[in-house]
Amino acid sequence: MVDREQLALVYKQNLENDIIKYIAEVKGIELRKAFDIYYSSRLAEQISEGKCGIENMDAKYLAEDLIENELGTQ
């Protein structure tokens, strides 16, 4: 039987990976830079803490929101 906590952890890790990859693609930057951007964002904190079910939203939507609201024109 699959442990729900393990499944949630894998889902969260995949979500974070998808967000980081999307940021790198859209901004035309290296994955390492996108990694740093993501983990210094409020979004990373919200997903980590499971606030408001945000960890269940689409990775592309979350990445676009991060780019628009936290990066602006960087």
N, C-alpha and C. Protein backbone atom coordinates (compact mmCIF):
# COMPACT_ATOMS: atom_id res chain seq x y z
N MET A 1 0.85 -1.18 0.00
CA MET A 1 0.00 0.00 0.00
C MET A 1 0.89 1.25 0.00
N VAL A 2 0.48 2.26 -0.73
CA VAL A 2 1.24 3.49 -0.86
C VAL A 2 0.97 4.39 0.35
N ASP A 3 2.03 4.88 0.92
CA ASP A 3 1.93 5.80 2.04
C ASP A 3 1.56 7.19 1.52
N ARG A 4 0.50 7.76 2.01
CA ARG A 4 0.02 9.07 1.53
C ARG A 4 1.06 10.17 1.71
N GLU A 5 1.79 10.13 2.81
CA GLU A 5 2.81 11.16 3.05
C GLU A 5 3.93 11.07 2.03
N GLN A 6 4.34 9.85 1.71
CA GLN A 6 5.38 9.66 0.70
C GLN A 6 4.90 10.13 -0.66
N LEU A 7 3.67 9.82 -0.99
CA LEU A 7 3.10 10.23 -2.26
C LEU A 7 3.01 11.76 -2.34
N ALA A 8 2.60 12.39 -1.28
CA ALA A 8 2.53 13.86 -1.25
C ALA A 8 3.92 14.47 -1.40
N LEU A 9 4.91 13.88 -0.79
CA LEU A 9 6.28 14.37 -0.90
C LEU A 9 6.79 14.27 -2.33
N VAL A 10 6.54 13.14 -2.98
CA VAL A 10 6.96 12.96 -4.37
C VAL A 10 6.25 13.98 -5.26
N TYR A 11 4.96 14.17 -5.05
CA TYR A 11 4.20 15.14 -5.84
C TYR A 11 4.78 16.55 -5.66
N LYS A 12 5.08 16.91 -4.42
CA LYS A 12 5.63 18.24 -4.14
C LYS A 12 7.00 18.41 -4.81
N GLN A 13 7.83 17.40 -4.75
CA GLN A 13 9.14 17.47 -5.39
C GLN A 13 9.01 17.63 -6.90
N ASN A 14 8.09 16.89 -7.51
CA ASN A 14 7.86 17.01 -8.94
C ASN A 14 7.32 18.39 -9.30
N LEU A 15 6.44 18.92 -8.47
CA LEU A 15 5.90 20.25 -8.69
C LEU A 15 7.02 21.29 -8.66
N GLU A 16 7.88 21.19 -7.67
CA GLU A 16 9.00 22.13 -7.56
C GLU A 16 9.93 22.02 -8.76
N ASN A 17 10.23 20.79 -9.18
CA ASN A 17 11.09 20.59 -10.35
C ASN A 17 10.46 21.19 -11.60
N ASP A 18 9.16 20.99 -11.78
CA ASP A 18 8.47 21.53 -12.95
C ASP A 18 8.48 23.06 -12.94
N ILE A 19 8.29 23.65 -11.78
CA ILE A 19 8.32 25.11 -11.66
C ILE A 19 9.70 25.64 -12.01
N ILE A 20 10.73 25.03 -11.48
CA ILE A 20 12.11 25.46 -11.73
C ILE A 20 12.45 25.34 -13.22
N LYS A 21 12.08 24.23 -13.84
CA LYS A 21 12.34 24.04 -15.27
C LYS A 21 11.61 25.10 -16.10
N TYR A 22 10.38 25.38 -15.74
CA TYR A 22 9.59 26.37 -16.48
C TYR A 22 10.21 27.76 -16.36
N ILE A 23 10.63 28.13 -15.17
CA ILE A 23 11.29 29.43 -14.97
C ILE A 23 12.54 29.53 -15.84
N ALA A 24 13.34 28.48 -15.85
CA ALA A 24 14.57 28.48 -16.65
C ALA A 24 14.25 28.64 -18.14
N GLU A 25 13.25 27.94 -18.61
CA GLU A 25 12.88 28.02 -20.03
C GLU A 25 12.37 29.41 -20.40
N VAL A 26 11.44 29.92 -19.62
CA VAL A 26 10.81 31.20 -19.94
C VAL A 26 11.80 32.36 -19.84
N LYS A 27 12.62 32.33 -18.82
CA LYS A 27 13.57 33.42 -18.60
C LYS A 27 14.88 33.22 -19.37
N GLY A 28 15.07 32.05 -19.97
CA GLY A 28 16.29 31.77 -20.71
C GLY A 28 17.53 31.77 -19.83
N ILE A 29 17.40 31.15 -18.67
CA ILE A 29 18.50 31.11 -17.70
C ILE A 29 18.86 29.67 -17.38
N GLU A 30 19.99 29.49 -16.73
CA GLU A 30 20.42 28.15 -16.33
C GLU A 30 19.52 27.64 -15.19
N LEU A 31 19.44 26.31 -15.10
CA LEU A 31 18.62 25.70 -14.06
C LEU A 31 19.06 26.14 -12.67
N ARG A 32 20.36 26.28 -12.46
CA ARG A 32 20.88 26.67 -11.14
C ARG A 32 20.34 28.04 -10.73
N LYS A 33 20.29 28.98 -11.67
CA LYS A 33 19.76 30.32 -11.39
C LYS A 33 18.26 30.24 -11.10
N ALA A 34 17.54 29.43 -11.90
CA ALA A 34 16.11 29.24 -11.67
C ALA A 34 15.86 28.59 -10.31
N PHE A 35 16.71 27.65 -9.95
CA PHE A 35 16.65 26.99 -8.64
C PHE A 35 16.76 28.04 -7.52
N ASP A 36 17.74 28.92 -7.63
CA ASP A 36 17.94 29.96 -6.63
C ASP A 36 16.74 30.91 -6.56
N ILE A 37 16.22 31.27 -7.73
CA ILE A 37 15.05 32.16 -7.78
C ILE A 37 13.87 31.50 -7.07
N TYR A 38 13.62 30.25 -7.41
CA TYR A 38 12.48 29.56 -6.81
C TYR A 38 12.63 29.45 -5.30
N TYR A 39 13.76 28.96 -4.83
CA TYR A 39 13.91 28.73 -3.39
C TYR A 39 14.06 30.00 -2.56
N SER A 40 14.22 31.14 -3.21
CA SER A 40 14.22 32.40 -2.46
C SER A 40 12.88 33.11 -2.57
N SER A 41 11.90 32.44 -3.17
CA SER A 41 10.59 33.06 -3.38
C SER A 41 9.60 32.73 -2.26
N ARG A 42 8.56 33.54 -2.20
CA ARG A 42 7.47 33.27 -1.26
C ARG A 42 6.73 32.00 -1.67
N LEU A 43 6.69 31.75 -2.98
CA LEU A 43 6.00 30.57 -3.48
C LEU A 43 6.60 29.29 -2.90
N ALA A 44 7.91 29.19 -2.86
CA ALA A 44 8.58 28.01 -2.30
C ALA A 44 8.17 27.81 -0.84
N GLU A 45 8.10 28.89 -0.12
CA GLU A 45 7.70 28.82 1.29
C GLU A 45 6.25 28.35 1.41
N GLN A 46 5.38 28.89 0.57
CA GLN A 46 3.97 28.50 0.61
C GLN A 46 3.78 27.03 0.26
N ILE A 47 4.49 26.56 -0.74
CA ILE A 47 4.37 25.15 -1.12
C ILE A 47 4.92 24.26 -0.01
N SER A 48 6.04 24.65 0.56
CA SER A 48 6.66 23.87 1.63
C SER A 48 5.73 23.74 2.83
N GLU A 49 5.05 24.84 3.16
CA GLU A 49 4.16 24.85 4.32
C GLU A 49 2.76 24.34 4.00
N GLY A 50 2.48 24.12 2.71
CA GLY A 50 1.16 23.63 2.32
C GLY A 50 0.06 24.64 2.56
N LYS A 51 0.37 25.92 2.37
CA LYS A 51 -0.61 26.97 2.63
C LYS A 51 -1.69 27.02 1.55
N CYS A 52 -2.92 27.03 1.97
CA CYS A 52 -4.09 27.25 1.11
C CYS A 52 -4.20 26.26 -0.04
N GLY A 53 -3.64 25.11 0.07
CA GLY A 53 -3.71 24.12 -1.00
C GLY A 53 -2.95 24.49 -2.25
N ILE A 54 -2.07 25.48 -2.13
CA ILE A 54 -1.32 25.96 -3.29
C ILE A 54 -0.46 24.86 -3.92
N GLU A 55 -0.07 23.89 -3.13
CA GLU A 55 0.76 22.81 -3.64
C GLU A 55 0.00 21.89 -4.59
N ASN A 56 -1.30 22.07 -4.68
CA ASN A 56 -2.12 21.27 -5.58
C ASN A 56 -2.44 21.98 -6.90
N MET A 57 -1.89 23.17 -7.08
CA MET A 57 -2.15 23.93 -8.31
C MET A 57 -1.17 23.52 -9.41
N ASP A 58 -1.49 23.92 -10.63
CA ASP A 58 -0.67 23.60 -11.80
C ASP A 58 0.68 24.30 -11.73
N ALA A 59 1.74 23.57 -12.04
CA ALA A 59 3.11 24.09 -11.97
C ALA A 59 3.31 25.29 -12.89
N LYS A 60 2.77 25.21 -14.10
CA LYS A 60 2.93 26.31 -15.06
C LYS A 60 2.27 27.58 -14.54
N TYR A 61 1.08 27.47 -14.01
CA TYR A 61 0.38 28.62 -13.45
C TYR A 61 1.18 29.23 -12.29
N LEU A 62 1.67 28.39 -11.41
CA LEU A 62 2.44 28.87 -10.27
C LEU A 62 3.74 29.55 -10.72
N ALA A 63 4.41 28.96 -11.71
CA ALA A 63 5.65 29.55 -12.22
C ALA A 63 5.38 30.90 -12.89
N GLU A 64 4.31 30.99 -13.66
CA GLU A 64 3.96 32.26 -14.31
C GLU A 64 3.64 33.32 -13.26
N ASP A 65 2.94 32.92 -12.21
CA ASP A 65 2.63 33.86 -11.14
C ASP A 65 3.90 34.34 -10.44
N LEU A 66 4.83 33.43 -10.19
CA LEU A 66 6.10 33.80 -9.56
C LEU A 66 6.86 34.78 -10.46
N ILE A 67 6.93 34.48 -11.75
CA ILE A 67 7.64 35.34 -12.69
C ILE A 67 7.02 36.73 -12.73
N GLU A 68 5.70 36.78 -12.83
CA GLU A 68 5.01 38.06 -12.92
C GLU A 68 5.07 38.88 -11.64
N ASN A 69 4.83 38.23 -10.51
CA ASN A 69 4.70 38.98 -9.26
C ASN A 69 5.98 39.13 -8.45
N GLU A 70 6.91 38.20 -8.60
CA GLU A 70 8.11 38.29 -7.79
C GLU A 70 9.35 38.72 -8.57
N LEU A 71 9.35 38.41 -9.87
CA LEU A 71 10.52 38.79 -10.67
C LEU A 71 10.30 40.06 -11.46
N GLY A 72 9.06 40.32 -11.84
CA GLY A 72 8.78 41.50 -12.63
C GLY A 72 9.59 41.51 -13.91
N THR A 73 10.43 42.51 -14.07
CA THR A 73 11.21 42.66 -15.31
C THR A 73 12.65 42.22 -15.14
N GLN A 74 12.96 41.49 -14.11
CA GLN A 74 14.34 41.03 -13.90
C GLN A 74 14.83 40.24 -15.07
